[in-house]
C-alpha cells in the first residue's frame, strides 16, 4: 500500500511540474499586460491629480 501511495505521489508531482512548465509562459504574458495596464492607469491618475493641484494652487 505504501508503494502505491508513493508512486502516485511521484506521478502527480511530475504531472504537475509538466503542466506548470507549459502554462507558465501564458500567465507570464498576461501578467506583463496587466502590469502595463495598471502602470498606465496610475500615470493617468497622477497626471490628473497633478493638474488638479496646479489649478487649485492658482
C-alpha atoms as a PDB file:
ATOM      1  CA  UNK A   1       0.000   0.000   0.000  1.00  0.00           C
ATOM      2  CA  UNK A   2       2.802   2.436   0.784  1.00  0.00           C
ATOM      3  CA  UNK A   3       4.480   1.708  -2.526  1.00  0.00           C
ATOM      4  CA  UNK A   4       1.315   2.655  -4.440  1.00  0.00           C
ATOM      5  CA  UNK A   5       0.937   5.852  -2.443  1.00  0.00           C
ATOM      6  CA  UNK A   6       4.485   6.988  -3.131  1.00  0.00           C
ATOM      7  CA  UNK A   7       4.214   6.042  -6.819  1.00  0.00           C
ATOM      8  CA  UNK A   8       1.038   8.112  -7.075  1.00  0.00           C
ATOM      9  CA  UNK A   9       2.659  10.987  -5.230  1.00  0.00           C
ATOM     10  CA  UNK A  10       5.650  10.916  -7.570  1.00  0.00           C
ATOM     11  CA  UNK A  11       3.481  10.659 -10.689  1.00  0.00           C
ATOM     12  CA  UNK A  12       1.266  13.529  -9.511  1.00  0.00           C
ATOM     13  CA  UNK A  13       4.302  15.686  -8.812  1.00  0.00           C
ATOM     14  CA  UNK A  14       5.733  15.033 -12.257  1.00  0.00           C
ATOM     15  CA  UNK A  15       2.430  15.726 -13.992  1.00  0.00           C
ATOM     16  CA  UNK A  16       2.018  18.930 -12.006  1.00  0.00           C
ATOM     17  CA  UNK A  17       5.524  20.066 -12.927  1.00  0.00           C
ATOM     18  CA  UNK A  18       4.943  19.424 -16.640  1.00  0.00           C
ATOM     19  CA  UNK A  19       1.602  21.251 -16.631  1.00  0.00           C
ATOM     20  CA  UNK A  20       3.186  24.176 -14.801  1.00  0.00           C
ATOM     21  CA  UNK A  21       6.007  24.382 -17.345  1.00  0.00           C
ATOM     22  CA  UNK A  22       3.540  24.623 -20.216  1.00  0.00           C
ATOM     23  CA  UNK A  23       1.147  27.042 -18.512  1.00  0.00           C
ATOM     24  CA  UNK A  24       3.687  29.496 -17.062  1.00  0.00           C
ATOM     25  CA  UNK A  25       4.575  31.350 -20.306  1.00  0.00           C
ATOM     26  CA  UNK A  26       0.907  32.157 -20.927  1.00  0.00           C
ATOM     27  CA  UNK A  27       0.445  33.510 -17.428  1.00  0.00           C
ATOM     28  CA  UNK A  28       3.658  35.498 -17.696  1.00  0.00           C
ATOM     29  CA  UNK A  29       2.438  37.266 -20.853  1.00  0.00           C
ATOM     30  CA  UNK A  30      -0.883  38.065 -19.194  1.00  0.00           C
ATOM     31  CA  UNK A  31       0.884  39.394 -16.100  1.00  0.00           C
ATOM     32  CA  UNK A  32       3.072  41.700 -18.212  1.00  0.00           C
ATOM     33  CA  UNK A  33      -0.016  43.061 -20.000  1.00  0.00           C
ATOM     34  CA  UNK A  34      -1.854  43.545 -16.696  1.00  0.00           C
ATOM     35  CA  UNK A  35       1.157  45.299 -15.203  1.00  0.00           C
ATOM     36  CA  UNK A  36       1.333  47.690 -18.159  1.00  0.00           C
ATOM     37  CA  UNK A  37      -2.367  48.492 -17.836  1.00  0.00           C
ATOM     38  CA  UNK A  38      -2.027  49.229 -14.120  1.00  0.00           C
ATOM     39  CA  UNK A  39       1.045  51.378 -14.758  1.00  0.00           C
ATOM     40  CA  UNK A  40      -0.768  53.379 -17.446  1.00  0.00           C
ATOM     41  CA  UNK A  41      -3.788  53.898 -15.200  1.00  0.00           C
ATOM     42  CA  UNK A  42      -1.554  55.062 -12.363  1.00  0.00           C
ATOM     43  CA  UNK A  43       0.160  57.547 -14.670  1.00  0.00           C
ATOM     44  CA  UNK A  44      -3.200  58.958 -15.794  1.00  0.00           C
ATOM     45  CA  UNK A  45      -4.400  59.305 -12.206  1.00  0.00           C
ATOM     46  CA  UNK A  46      -1.183  61.008 -11.100  1.00  0.00           C
ATOM     47  CA  UNK A  47      -1.342  63.354 -14.076  1.00  0.00           C
ATOM     48  CA  UNK A  48      -4.951  64.235 -13.232  1.00  0.00           C
ATOM     49  CA  UNK A  49      -4.129  64.854  -9.576  1.00  0.00           C
ATOM     50  CA  UNK A  50      -1.158  66.994 -10.550  1.00  0.00           C
ATOM     51  CA  UNK A  51      -3.266  69.063 -12.950  1.00  0.00           C
ATOM     52  CA  UNK A  52      -5.998  69.473 -10.343  1.00  0.00           C
ATOM     53  CA  UNK A  53      -3.478  70.539  -7.704  1.00  0.00           C
ATOM     54  CA  UNK A  54      -1.883  73.048 -10.091  1.00  0.00           C
ATOM     55  CA  UNK A  55      -5.310  74.516 -10.922  1.00  0.00           C
ATOM     56  CA  UNK A  56      -6.192  74.666  -7.241  1.00  0.00           C
ATOM     57  CA  UNK A  57      -2.933  76.484  -6.424  1.00  0.00           C
ATOM     58  CA  UNK A  58      -3.704  79.229  -8.960  1.00  0.00           C
END
